[in-house]
Amino acid sequence: MPGLSRRASSQAYDVSGDAVADLVYRSESGKLMLRKGKPATGGGVDLVSLAAAANSLGGADTTYGAANWTVASVPFVMGTPDADNDSVPDIWAVRSDGSVRFHPGSRTALSGDGGEMVGPNSHWRSRIAIG
């Protein structure tokens, strides 16, 4: 997708609860953004709706995670299917101190700093994947 090369794509799952895939990504300004997908004619998601904010449902991206999502603060972000059984996809993040945090997903925006699952540890700062 144009413009996403310097951004971290976090997840492409149905976040909003409308049975259509959405995109959560890290913006260049260090926020997590939500781009809502439109349904495709034959089912699934219209990929054009995820390619640009103007094409998305609502015509604009919304802030999903407001602060402290810069690459310097959170070097690694990974979206996952629902891990806490609430029907909303979730996010795992490795912070710059090496701690691993779990962020329960939300239909509209994340809140708080997530729960620390692993304390600060230099081992996690060099990982390229979680799981």
N, C-alpha and C. Protein backbone atom coordinates (compact mmCIF):
# COMPACT_ATOMS: atom_id res chain seq x y z
N MET A 1 0.83 -1.17 0.00
CA MET A 1 0.00 0.00 0.00
C MET A 1 0.87 1.24 0.00
N PRO A 2 0.57 2.18 -0.85
CA PRO A 2 1.39 3.39 -0.91
C PRO A 2 1.45 4.09 0.45
N GLY A 3 2.64 4.56 0.80
CA GLY A 3 2.80 5.32 2.03
C GLY A 3 2.98 4.49 3.28
N LEU A 4 2.81 3.18 3.20
CA LEU A 4 2.94 2.36 4.40
C LEU A 4 4.32 1.76 4.56
N SER A 5 5.24 2.02 3.63
CA SER A 5 6.55 1.39 3.69
C SER A 5 7.33 1.74 4.95
N ARG A 6 7.14 2.95 5.50
CA ARG A 6 7.85 3.35 6.71
C ARG A 6 7.01 3.16 7.95
N ARG A 7 5.86 2.58 7.79
CA ARG A 7 4.95 2.38 8.91
C ARG A 7 4.90 0.90 9.25
N ALA A 8 4.50 0.61 10.46
CA ALA A 8 4.36 -0.78 10.87
C ALA A 8 2.90 -1.17 10.74
N SER A 9 2.61 -2.11 9.87
CA SER A 9 1.24 -2.61 9.78
C SER A 9 1.05 -3.55 10.95
N SER A 10 0.05 -3.32 11.72
CA SER A 10 -0.15 -4.11 12.92
C SER A 10 -1.13 -5.25 12.70
N GLN A 11 -2.26 -4.98 12.09
CA GLN A 11 -3.23 -6.05 11.89
C GLN A 11 -4.25 -5.70 10.83
N ALA A 12 -4.75 -6.72 10.19
CA ALA A 12 -5.86 -6.58 9.23
C ALA A 12 -6.90 -7.61 9.63
N TYR A 13 -7.74 -7.24 10.56
CA TYR A 13 -8.82 -8.09 11.07
C TYR A 13 -10.06 -7.22 11.19
N ASP A 14 -11.18 -7.85 11.47
CA ASP A 14 -12.41 -7.10 11.71
C ASP A 14 -12.35 -6.51 13.11
N VAL A 15 -11.96 -5.26 13.21
CA VAL A 15 -11.87 -4.56 14.48
C VAL A 15 -13.22 -3.95 14.85
N SER A 16 -13.90 -3.35 13.88
CA SER A 16 -15.12 -2.59 14.14
C SER A 16 -16.36 -3.45 14.41
N GLY A 17 -16.30 -4.74 14.10
CA GLY A 17 -17.42 -5.62 14.39
C GLY A 17 -18.47 -5.70 13.30
N ASP A 18 -18.13 -5.23 12.09
CA ASP A 18 -19.10 -5.28 10.99
C ASP A 18 -18.87 -6.43 10.02
N ALA A 19 -18.03 -7.39 10.39
CA ALA A 19 -17.72 -8.58 9.59
C ALA A 19 -16.90 -8.26 8.34
N VAL A 20 -16.23 -7.12 8.33
CA VAL A 20 -15.35 -6.71 7.23
C VAL A 20 -13.99 -6.37 7.83
N ALA A 21 -12.91 -6.82 7.18
CA ALA A 21 -11.56 -6.56 7.69
C ALA A 21 -11.26 -5.07 7.72
N ASP A 22 -10.58 -4.66 8.78
CA ASP A 22 -10.11 -3.29 8.96
C ASP A 22 -8.59 -3.34 9.07
N LEU A 23 -7.94 -2.20 9.03
CA LEU A 23 -6.50 -2.13 9.13
C LEU A 23 -6.11 -1.25 10.30
N VAL A 24 -5.28 -1.78 11.20
CA VAL A 24 -4.68 -0.98 12.27
C VAL A 24 -3.20 -0.88 11.93
N TYR A 25 -2.70 0.34 11.89
CA TYR A 25 -1.30 0.55 11.54
C TYR A 25 -0.71 1.69 12.36
N ARG A 26 0.63 1.72 12.42
CA ARG A 26 1.33 2.80 13.12
C ARG A 26 1.60 3.91 12.12
N SER A 27 1.17 5.12 12.44
CA SER A 27 1.40 6.26 11.56
C SER A 27 2.82 6.77 11.73
N GLU A 28 3.25 7.59 10.80
CA GLU A 28 4.58 8.18 10.90
C GLU A 28 4.71 9.08 12.11
N SER A 29 3.59 9.57 12.64
CA SER A 29 3.62 10.42 13.83
C SER A 29 3.63 9.61 15.13
N GLY A 30 3.58 8.27 15.03
CA GLY A 30 3.67 7.44 16.22
C GLY A 30 2.36 7.13 16.89
N LYS A 31 1.26 7.25 16.16
CA LYS A 31 -0.05 6.85 16.69
C LYS A 31 -0.46 5.56 16.00
N LEU A 32 -1.32 4.78 16.65
CA LEU A 32 -1.96 3.67 15.97
C LEU A 32 -3.23 4.21 15.35
N MET A 33 -3.43 3.88 14.09
CA MET A 33 -4.58 4.39 13.34
C MET A 33 -5.46 3.22 12.91
N LEU A 34 -6.76 3.49 12.80
CA LEU A 34 -7.74 2.50 12.36
C LEU A 34 -8.32 2.95 11.03
N ARG A 35 -8.20 2.08 10.03
CA ARG A 35 -8.80 2.31 8.72
C ARG A 35 -9.88 1.24 8.53
N LYS A 36 -11.11 1.65 8.43
CA LYS A 36 -12.23 0.71 8.32
C LYS A 36 -12.44 0.30 6.87
N GLY A 37 -12.48 -1.01 6.66
CA GLY A 37 -12.70 -1.55 5.32
C GLY A 37 -14.16 -1.53 4.92
N LYS A 38 -14.37 -1.51 3.60
CA LYS A 38 -15.72 -1.60 3.05
C LYS A 38 -15.93 -3.02 2.54
N PRO A 39 -17.17 -3.50 2.58
CA PRO A 39 -17.43 -4.84 2.07
C PRO A 39 -17.26 -4.90 0.55
N ALA A 40 -16.70 -6.01 0.07
CA ALA A 40 -16.56 -6.24 -1.37
C ALA A 40 -17.88 -6.80 -1.90
N THR A 41 -18.14 -6.61 -3.16
CA THR A 41 -19.38 -7.06 -3.78
C THR A 41 -19.61 -8.55 -3.59
N GLY A 42 -18.58 -9.37 -3.75
CA GLY A 42 -18.72 -10.82 -3.63
C GLY A 42 -18.44 -11.36 -2.24
N GLY A 43 -18.33 -10.48 -1.24
CA GLY A 43 -18.00 -10.89 0.12
C GLY A 43 -16.57 -10.51 0.47
N GLY A 44 -16.25 -10.52 1.74
CA GLY A 44 -14.92 -10.13 2.19
C GLY A 44 -14.77 -8.62 2.21
N VAL A 45 -13.52 -8.17 2.04
CA VAL A 45 -13.22 -6.73 2.08
C VAL A 45 -12.82 -6.24 0.70
N ASP A 46 -13.23 -5.05 0.36
CA ASP A 46 -12.79 -4.37 -0.85
C ASP A 46 -11.39 -3.84 -0.55
N LEU A 47 -10.37 -4.43 -1.17
CA LEU A 47 -8.99 -4.06 -0.86
C LEU A 47 -8.68 -2.60 -1.17
N VAL A 48 -9.39 -2.01 -2.12
CA VAL A 48 -9.20 -0.60 -2.42
C VAL A 48 -9.55 0.26 -1.20
N SER A 49 -10.50 -0.19 -0.40
CA SER A 49 -10.90 0.58 0.78
C SER A 49 -9.82 0.60 1.85
N LEU A 50 -8.90 -0.35 1.81
CA LEU A 50 -7.80 -0.37 2.78
C LEU A 50 -6.55 0.32 2.24
N ALA A 51 -6.54 0.63 0.94
CA ALA A 51 -5.36 1.22 0.31
C ALA A 51 -5.16 2.68 0.65
N ALA A 52 -6.24 3.40 0.89
CA ALA A 52 -6.13 4.84 1.20
C ALA A 52 -7.27 5.24 2.11
N ALA A 53 -6.99 6.17 3.01
CA ALA A 53 -8.01 6.62 3.96
C ALA A 53 -9.25 7.14 3.25
N ALA A 54 -9.08 7.86 2.15
CA ALA A 54 -10.22 8.43 1.43
C ALA A 54 -11.15 7.35 0.88
N ASN A 55 -10.62 6.15 0.64
CA ASN A 55 -11.42 5.05 0.10
C ASN A 55 -12.10 4.22 1.19
N SER A 56 -11.73 4.44 2.44
CA SER A 56 -12.21 3.60 3.54
C SER A 56 -13.65 3.95 3.93
N LEU A 57 -14.23 3.08 4.75
CA LEU A 57 -15.56 3.35 5.29
C LEU A 57 -15.47 4.60 6.16
N GLY A 58 -16.21 5.61 5.86
CA GLY A 58 -16.13 6.88 6.58
C GLY A 58 -15.21 7.88 5.92
N GLY A 59 -14.34 7.43 5.01
CA GLY A 59 -13.48 8.33 4.25
C GLY A 59 -12.30 8.92 5.00
N ALA A 60 -12.01 8.43 6.21
CA ALA A 60 -10.87 8.94 6.97
C ALA A 60 -10.44 7.91 8.01
N ASP A 61 -9.16 7.90 8.32
CA ASP A 61 -8.65 7.05 9.39
C ASP A 61 -8.96 7.72 10.73
N THR A 62 -9.12 6.90 11.77
CA THR A 62 -9.33 7.42 13.11
C THR A 62 -8.19 6.97 14.02
N THR A 63 -7.94 7.72 15.07
CA THR A 63 -6.88 7.37 16.01
C THR A 63 -7.34 6.17 16.84
N TYR A 64 -6.52 5.12 16.86
CA TYR A 64 -6.82 3.90 17.61
C TYR A 64 -5.99 3.83 18.88
N GLY A 65 -4.76 4.27 18.82
CA GLY A 65 -3.86 4.36 19.97
C GLY A 65 -3.19 5.72 19.93
N ALA A 66 -3.50 6.59 20.88
CA ALA A 66 -3.16 8.00 20.77
C ALA A 66 -1.69 8.33 21.00
N ALA A 67 -1.04 7.72 21.95
CA ALA A 67 0.30 8.20 22.30
C ALA A 67 1.26 7.05 22.57
N ASN A 68 2.54 7.38 22.50
CA ASN A 68 3.62 6.45 22.86
C ASN A 68 3.72 5.23 21.97
N TRP A 69 3.36 5.34 20.70
CA TRP A 69 3.49 4.23 19.77
C TRP A 69 4.60 4.46 18.75
N THR A 70 5.51 5.41 19.03
CA THR A 70 6.62 5.66 18.12
C THR A 70 7.52 4.42 18.06
N VAL A 71 8.30 4.32 16.99
CA VAL A 71 9.24 3.20 16.86
C VAL A 71 10.25 3.22 18.00
N ALA A 72 10.63 4.41 18.46
CA ALA A 72 11.58 4.52 19.58
C ALA A 72 10.97 3.97 20.87
N SER A 73 9.69 4.20 21.11
CA SER A 73 9.02 3.74 22.33
C SER A 73 8.58 2.29 22.25
N VAL A 74 8.08 1.89 21.08
CA VAL A 74 7.55 0.54 20.87
C VAL A 74 8.14 0.01 19.57
N PRO A 75 9.33 -0.60 19.64
CA PRO A 75 9.99 -1.05 18.42
C PRO A 75 9.24 -2.15 17.67
N PHE A 76 8.44 -2.92 18.38
CA PHE A 76 7.76 -4.05 17.73
C PHE A 76 6.30 -4.10 18.16
N VAL A 77 5.41 -4.08 17.17
CA VAL A 77 3.96 -4.16 17.41
C VAL A 77 3.42 -5.29 16.56
N MET A 78 2.57 -6.11 17.15
CA MET A 78 1.99 -7.22 16.41
C MET A 78 0.51 -7.36 16.75
N GLY A 79 -0.33 -7.27 15.76
CA GLY A 79 -1.74 -7.52 15.95
C GLY A 79 -2.02 -9.01 15.87
N THR A 80 -2.95 -9.48 16.66
CA THR A 80 -3.30 -10.90 16.66
C THR A 80 -4.82 -11.05 16.65
N PRO A 81 -5.28 -12.22 16.25
CA PRO A 81 -6.71 -12.48 16.44
C PRO A 81 -7.04 -12.37 17.93
N ASP A 82 -8.26 -12.46 18.26
CA ASP A 82 -8.74 -12.32 19.63
C ASP A 82 -8.03 -13.29 20.58
N ALA A 83 -7.24 -12.76 21.50
CA ALA A 83 -6.52 -13.59 22.47
C ALA A 83 -7.21 -13.65 23.82
N ASP A 84 -8.13 -12.73 24.09
CA ASP A 84 -8.78 -12.71 25.41
C ASP A 84 -10.27 -13.04 25.35
N ASN A 85 -10.69 -13.59 24.22
CA ASN A 85 -12.04 -14.14 24.07
C ASN A 85 -13.16 -13.10 24.23
N ASP A 86 -12.92 -11.88 23.71
CA ASP A 86 -13.99 -10.87 23.73
C ASP A 86 -14.47 -10.51 22.33
N SER A 87 -14.03 -11.28 21.33
CA SER A 87 -14.42 -11.11 19.92
C SER A 87 -13.81 -9.89 19.25
N VAL A 88 -12.76 -9.31 19.83
CA VAL A 88 -12.06 -8.17 19.24
C VAL A 88 -10.58 -8.53 19.12
N PRO A 89 -9.96 -8.31 17.95
CA PRO A 89 -8.52 -8.59 17.81
C PRO A 89 -7.69 -7.77 18.81
N ASP A 90 -6.56 -8.31 19.21
CA ASP A 90 -5.73 -7.70 20.25
C ASP A 90 -4.36 -7.33 19.70
N ILE A 91 -3.57 -6.64 20.51
CA ILE A 91 -2.24 -6.19 20.10
C ILE A 91 -1.21 -6.55 21.18
N TRP A 92 -0.10 -7.09 20.73
CA TRP A 92 1.06 -7.34 21.58
C TRP A 92 2.13 -6.34 21.18
N ALA A 93 2.86 -5.82 22.14
CA ALA A 93 3.89 -4.82 21.86
C ALA A 93 5.12 -5.07 22.72
N VAL A 94 6.29 -4.91 22.10
CA VAL A 94 7.56 -4.93 22.83
C VAL A 94 8.00 -3.48 22.95
N ARG A 95 8.14 -3.01 24.18
CA ARG A 95 8.54 -1.62 24.43
C ARG A 95 10.06 -1.51 24.39
N SER A 96 10.55 -0.31 24.35
CA SER A 96 11.99 -0.08 24.22
C SER A 96 12.80 -0.63 25.39
N ASP A 97 12.18 -0.80 26.56
CA ASP A 97 12.88 -1.39 27.71
C ASP A 97 12.90 -2.91 27.67
N GLY A 98 12.30 -3.50 26.63
CA GLY A 98 12.27 -4.95 26.50
C GLY A 98 11.07 -5.60 27.15
N SER A 99 10.18 -4.83 27.75
CA SER A 99 8.98 -5.42 28.33
C SER A 99 7.98 -5.75 27.23
N VAL A 100 7.20 -6.80 27.47
CA VAL A 100 6.17 -7.22 26.52
C VAL A 100 4.82 -6.89 27.13
N ARG A 101 4.00 -6.17 26.37
CA ARG A 101 2.69 -5.74 26.86
C ARG A 101 1.58 -6.28 25.98
N PHE A 102 0.47 -6.60 26.62
CA PHE A 102 -0.73 -7.06 25.93
C PHE A 102 -1.77 -5.95 25.99
N HIS A 103 -2.29 -5.58 24.83
CA HIS A 103 -3.30 -4.53 24.74
C HIS A 103 -4.60 -5.16 24.25
N PRO A 104 -5.59 -5.30 25.14
CA PRO A 104 -6.88 -5.83 24.70
C PRO A 104 -7.47 -4.91 23.64
N GLY A 105 -7.95 -5.50 22.57
CA GLY A 105 -8.53 -4.72 21.48
C GLY A 105 -9.80 -4.01 21.89
N SER A 106 -10.20 -3.07 21.07
CA SER A 106 -11.40 -2.29 21.27
C SER A 106 -12.04 -2.07 19.92
N ARG A 107 -13.33 -1.88 19.88
CA ARG A 107 -14.03 -1.58 18.62
C ARG A 107 -13.70 -0.19 18.10
N THR A 108 -13.25 0.72 19.00
CA THR A 108 -13.02 2.10 18.58
C THR A 108 -11.61 2.61 18.87
N ALA A 109 -11.06 2.38 20.06
CA ALA A 109 -9.73 2.89 20.41
C ALA A 109 -9.18 2.15 21.62
N LEU A 110 -7.86 1.97 21.65
CA LEU A 110 -7.21 1.35 22.80
C LEU A 110 -7.18 2.34 23.95
N SER A 111 -7.16 1.80 25.17
CA SER A 111 -7.02 2.67 26.33
C SER A 111 -5.93 2.11 27.23
N GLY A 112 -5.26 2.97 27.93
CA GLY A 112 -4.23 2.56 28.88
C GLY A 112 -2.95 2.12 28.22
N ASP A 113 -2.04 1.61 29.04
CA ASP A 113 -0.73 1.18 28.59
C ASP A 113 -0.63 -0.32 28.36
N GLY A 114 -1.75 -1.02 28.43
CA GLY A 114 -1.71 -2.47 28.29
C GLY A 114 -1.19 -3.12 29.54
N GLY A 115 -1.30 -4.41 29.59
CA GLY A 115 -0.81 -5.16 30.74
C GLY A 115 0.56 -5.71 30.48
N GLU A 116 1.47 -5.52 31.42
CA GLU A 116 2.82 -6.05 31.27
C GLU A 116 2.79 -7.56 31.46
N MET A 117 3.16 -8.29 30.42
CA MET A 117 3.17 -9.75 30.46
C MET A 117 4.57 -10.29 30.77
N VAL A 118 5.60 -9.56 30.33
CA VAL A 118 6.99 -9.91 30.60
C VAL A 118 7.69 -8.62 31.00
N GLY A 119 8.39 -8.64 32.12
CA GLY A 119 9.10 -7.46 32.58
C GLY A 119 10.24 -7.07 31.67
N PRO A 120 10.82 -5.89 31.89
CA PRO A 120 11.93 -5.43 31.05
C PRO A 120 13.03 -6.48 30.96
N ASN A 121 13.46 -6.74 29.73
CA ASN A 121 14.44 -7.79 29.48
C ASN A 121 15.11 -7.49 28.15
N SER A 122 16.42 -7.40 28.11
CA SER A 122 17.12 -7.07 26.86
C SER A 122 16.90 -8.12 25.79
N HIS A 123 16.56 -9.35 26.18
CA HIS A 123 16.31 -10.43 25.21
C HIS A 123 15.20 -10.05 24.23
N TRP A 124 14.14 -9.43 24.69
CA TRP A 124 13.00 -9.12 23.83
C TRP A 124 13.26 -7.97 22.86
N ARG A 125 14.23 -7.11 23.15
CA ARG A 125 14.51 -5.97 22.26
C ARG A 125 15.05 -6.42 20.92
N SER A 126 15.63 -7.61 20.84
CA SER A 126 16.23 -8.07 19.59
C SER A 126 15.38 -9.10 18.86
N ARG A 127 14.21 -9.41 19.33
CA ARG A 127 13.33 -10.39 18.68
C ARG A 127 12.68 -9.79 17.45
N ILE A 128 12.39 -10.63 16.46
CA ILE A 128 11.68 -10.17 15.27
C ILE A 128 10.26 -10.69 15.20
N ALA A 129 9.85 -11.47 16.20
CA ALA A 129 8.49 -11.99 16.23
C ALA A 129 8.11 -12.32 17.67
N ILE A 130 6.81 -12.36 17.90
CA ILE A 130 6.28 -12.81 19.20
C ILE A 130 5.53 -14.09 18.93
N GLY A 131 5.84 -15.12 19.71
CA GLY A 131 5.09 -16.37 19.53
C GLY A 131 5.89 -17.44 18.86
